[in-house]
């Protein structure tokens, strides 16, 4: 009987390990799908960026008004703290907010410290979260040739990951 209980314990540990690996693989696949979607959608937008921006390394933050305001505010606060380290000219924010008089004032107040372009959602579509199918905000880093070097999807409550990404950006831009 003791042997049978030990075998059950071993089986449950093995099953839990397999489930955790499956969840991890599922998360990795989801992340890669979102990255592919960003790269694909960026290609449609890239020519507009080439015409209107200098050929510097560029950190871009992309969001829409369907994303939680608190999440956006956390990201902007992190970006504002990071601004002196890479300079205003190295950051571009691309919101997609329906243009009204109020939204223009709101964007100017919220993003006045940054370079930003309010662009139509159709011009640069957003990736969707795999589980709940909502749009996901993201950062990405471009080199001088306008190739994507890195993509990052911030997570609410995990700003230390955002800080690590910003360190990567700083190292790349200042090399």
Protein backbone atom coordinates (compact mmCIF):
# COMPACT_ATOMS: atom_id res chain seq x y z
CA UNK A 1 0.00 0.00 0.00
CA UNK A 2 2.87 2.34 0.84
CA UNK A 3 4.46 1.62 -2.52
CA UNK A 4 1.18 2.45 -4.27
CA UNK A 5 0.96 5.83 -2.49
CA UNK A 6 4.56 6.65 -3.45
CA UNK A 7 3.78 5.84 -7.08
CA UNK A 8 0.69 8.09 -6.97
CA UNK A 9 2.80 10.92 -5.53
CA UNK A 10 5.43 10.46 -8.24
CA UNK A 11 2.72 10.38 -10.93
CA UNK A 12 1.09 13.57 -9.62
CA UNK A 13 4.47 15.36 -9.55
CA UNK A 14 5.20 14.22 -13.10
CA UNK A 15 1.75 15.29 -14.27
CA UNK A 16 2.19 18.72 -12.68
CA UNK A 17 5.60 19.07 -14.36
CA UNK A 18 4.12 18.17 -17.76
CA UNK A 19 1.26 20.65 -17.26
CA UNK A 20 3.72 23.43 -16.32
CA UNK A 21 5.85 22.74 -19.39
CA UNK A 22 2.75 22.78 -21.59
CA UNK A 23 1.63 26.11 -20.12
CA UNK A 24 5.11 27.56 -20.61
CA UNK A 25 5.26 26.36 -24.23
CA UNK A 26 1.78 27.73 -24.85
CA UNK A 27 2.88 31.14 -23.44
CA UNK A 28 6.00 31.14 -25.62
CA UNK A 29 3.99 30.31 -28.73
CA UNK A 30 1.51 33.08 -27.91
CA UNK A 31 4.33 35.59 -27.40
CA UNK A 32 5.93 34.61 -30.72
CA UNK A 33 2.58 34.94 -32.50
CA UNK A 34 2.20 38.48 -31.15
CA UNK A 35 5.75 39.34 -32.23
CA UNK A 36 5.08 38.07 -35.74
CA UNK A 37 1.90 40.11 -35.88
CA UNK A 38 3.78 43.27 -34.81
CA UNK A 39 6.48 42.70 -37.43
CA UNK A 40 3.89 42.07 -40.15
CA UNK A 41 1.82 45.13 -39.23
CA UNK A 42 4.91 47.32 -38.91
CA UNK A 43 5.92 46.56 -42.50
CA UNK A 44 2.76 48.30 -43.68
CA UNK A 45 3.54 51.35 -41.55
CA UNK A 46 7.31 51.47 -42.09
CA UNK A 47 7.36 53.59 -45.26
CA UNK A 48 5.45 56.36 -43.50
CA UNK A 49 7.98 56.32 -40.68
CA UNK A 50 10.91 56.40 -43.12
CA UNK A 51 9.54 59.54 -44.78
CA UNK A 52 8.97 61.42 -41.54
CA UNK A 53 11.74 60.54 -39.09
CA UNK A 54 15.50 60.81 -38.91
CA UNK A 55 17.59 57.67 -39.27
CA UNK A 56 18.33 57.18 -35.56
CA UNK A 57 17.69 54.22 -33.32
CA UNK A 58 14.16 54.62 -32.08
CA UNK A 59 12.11 53.24 -29.20
CA UNK A 60 8.43 53.14 -30.11
CA UNK A 61 5.50 52.68 -27.72
CA UNK A 62 2.20 51.64 -29.28
CA UNK A 63 -1.25 51.62 -27.63
CA UNK A 64 -4.95 52.30 -28.27
CA UNK A 65 -7.73 53.75 -26.16
CA UNK A 66 -9.12 50.23 -25.56
CA UNK A 67 -6.17 49.48 -23.26
CA UNK A 68 -6.58 50.21 -19.55
CA UNK A 69 -5.70 53.81 -18.69
CA UNK A 70 -3.76 52.71 -15.59
CA UNK A 71 -1.54 50.42 -17.71
CA UNK A 72 -0.83 53.22 -20.17
CA UNK A 73 -0.11 55.66 -17.35
CA UNK A 74 2.34 53.20 -15.73
CA UNK A 75 4.14 52.77 -19.06
CA UNK A 76 4.29 56.53 -19.63
CA UNK A 77 5.63 57.11 -16.12
CA UNK A 78 8.35 54.52 -16.76
CA UNK A 79 9.12 56.15 -20.12
CA UNK A 80 9.27 59.60 -18.54
CA UNK A 81 11.81 58.36 -15.99
CA UNK A 82 13.78 56.79 -18.84
CA UNK A 83 13.62 59.88 -21.08
CA UNK A 84 16.85 61.56 -19.81
CA UNK A 85 18.85 58.40 -20.46
CA UNK A 86 18.22 58.20 -24.22
CA UNK A 87 16.71 61.59 -25.10
CA UNK A 88 13.38 62.73 -26.50
CA UNK A 89 14.50 62.27 -30.10
CA UNK A 90 14.94 58.52 -29.51
CA UNK A 91 11.34 57.92 -28.38
CA UNK A 92 8.17 57.94 -30.47
CA UNK A 93 4.71 57.16 -29.10
CA UNK A 94 2.07 55.88 -31.51
CA UNK A 95 -1.37 55.96 -29.92
CA UNK A 96 -4.57 55.23 -31.83
CA UNK A 97 -7.20 57.42 -30.24
CA UNK A 98 -10.35 58.58 -32.00
CA UNK A 99 -9.72 62.23 -32.87
CA UNK A 100 -11.97 64.66 -31.08
CA UNK A 101 -11.22 68.04 -29.59
CA UNK A 102 -11.08 66.43 -26.12
CA UNK A 103 -8.80 63.60 -27.22
CA UNK A 104 -6.37 66.04 -28.85
CA UNK A 105 -6.17 68.03 -25.61
CA UNK A 106 -5.81 64.82 -23.59
CA UNK A 107 -2.98 63.54 -25.82
CA UNK A 108 -1.19 66.89 -25.70
CA UNK A 109 -1.39 66.93 -21.90
CA UNK A 110 -0.47 63.27 -21.50
CA UNK A 111 2.24 63.03 -24.16
CA UNK A 112 3.57 66.59 -24.36
CA UNK A 113 7.03 65.54 -23.15
CA UNK A 114 7.38 63.03 -25.97
CA UNK A 115 7.31 62.89 -29.74
CA UNK A 116 4.01 61.29 -30.72
CA UNK A 117 1.74 60.67 -33.69
CA UNK A 118 -1.88 59.73 -33.22
CA UNK A 119 -2.39 57.25 -36.05
CA UNK A 120 -5.46 55.41 -37.30
CA UNK A 121 -5.65 51.84 -36.03
CA UNK A 122 -5.91 50.55 -39.61
CA UNK A 123 -2.45 51.98 -40.37
CA UNK A 124 -0.73 49.84 -37.75
CA UNK A 125 -2.95 47.17 -36.23
CA UNK A 126 -2.46 45.88 -32.72
CA UNK A 127 -1.64 42.30 -31.72
CA UNK A 128 -4.27 40.51 -29.66
CA UNK A 129 -3.70 38.67 -26.42
CA UNK A 130 -4.01 34.93 -27.06
CA UNK A 131 -6.32 34.15 -24.17
CA UNK A 132 -8.70 37.09 -23.85
CA UNK A 133 -8.40 38.48 -27.41
CA UNK A 134 -7.91 42.12 -26.33
CA UNK A 135 -5.42 44.48 -27.94
CA UNK A 136 -1.97 44.53 -26.34
CA UNK A 137 0.21 47.55 -25.88
CA UNK A 138 3.87 47.11 -26.72
CA UNK A 139 7.29 48.68 -27.13
CA UNK A 140 9.70 47.98 -29.93
CA UNK A 141 13.20 49.11 -30.78
CA UNK A 142 14.26 50.04 -34.31
CA UNK A 143 17.78 50.44 -35.61
CA UNK A 144 18.84 53.14 -38.11
CA UNK A 145 17.75 50.94 -41.01
CA UNK A 146 14.24 50.71 -39.51
CA UNK A 147 14.61 47.02 -38.69
CA UNK A 148 12.98 45.76 -35.52
CA UNK A 149 15.66 44.80 -33.02
CA UNK A 150 13.46 43.94 -30.07
CA UNK A 151 9.76 43.78 -29.09
CA UNK A 152 8.42 43.94 -25.55
CA UNK A 153 4.88 43.48 -24.21
CA UNK A 154 4.68 45.09 -20.74
CA UNK A 155 2.73 43.31 -18.03
CA UNK A 156 0.70 45.12 -15.43
CA UNK A 157 2.34 44.88 -12.02
CA UNK A 158 5.70 43.73 -13.43
CA UNK A 159 7.46 47.02 -14.08
CA UNK A 160 10.83 45.40 -13.28
CA UNK A 161 10.57 43.61 -16.65
CA UNK A 162 9.95 46.99 -18.30
CA UNK A 163 13.01 48.40 -16.52
CA UNK A 164 15.11 45.48 -17.81
CA UNK A 165 13.84 46.11 -21.35
CA UNK A 166 14.68 49.83 -21.01
CA UNK A 167 18.21 48.90 -19.90
CA UNK A 168 18.54 46.78 -23.04
CA UNK A 169 17.31 49.75 -25.12
CA UNK A 170 19.74 52.13 -23.40
CA UNK A 171 22.66 49.76 -23.98
CA UNK A 172 21.75 49.39 -27.65
CA UNK A 173 21.19 53.10 -28.31
CA UNK A 174 24.30 54.22 -26.43
CA UNK A 175 26.67 51.66 -27.96
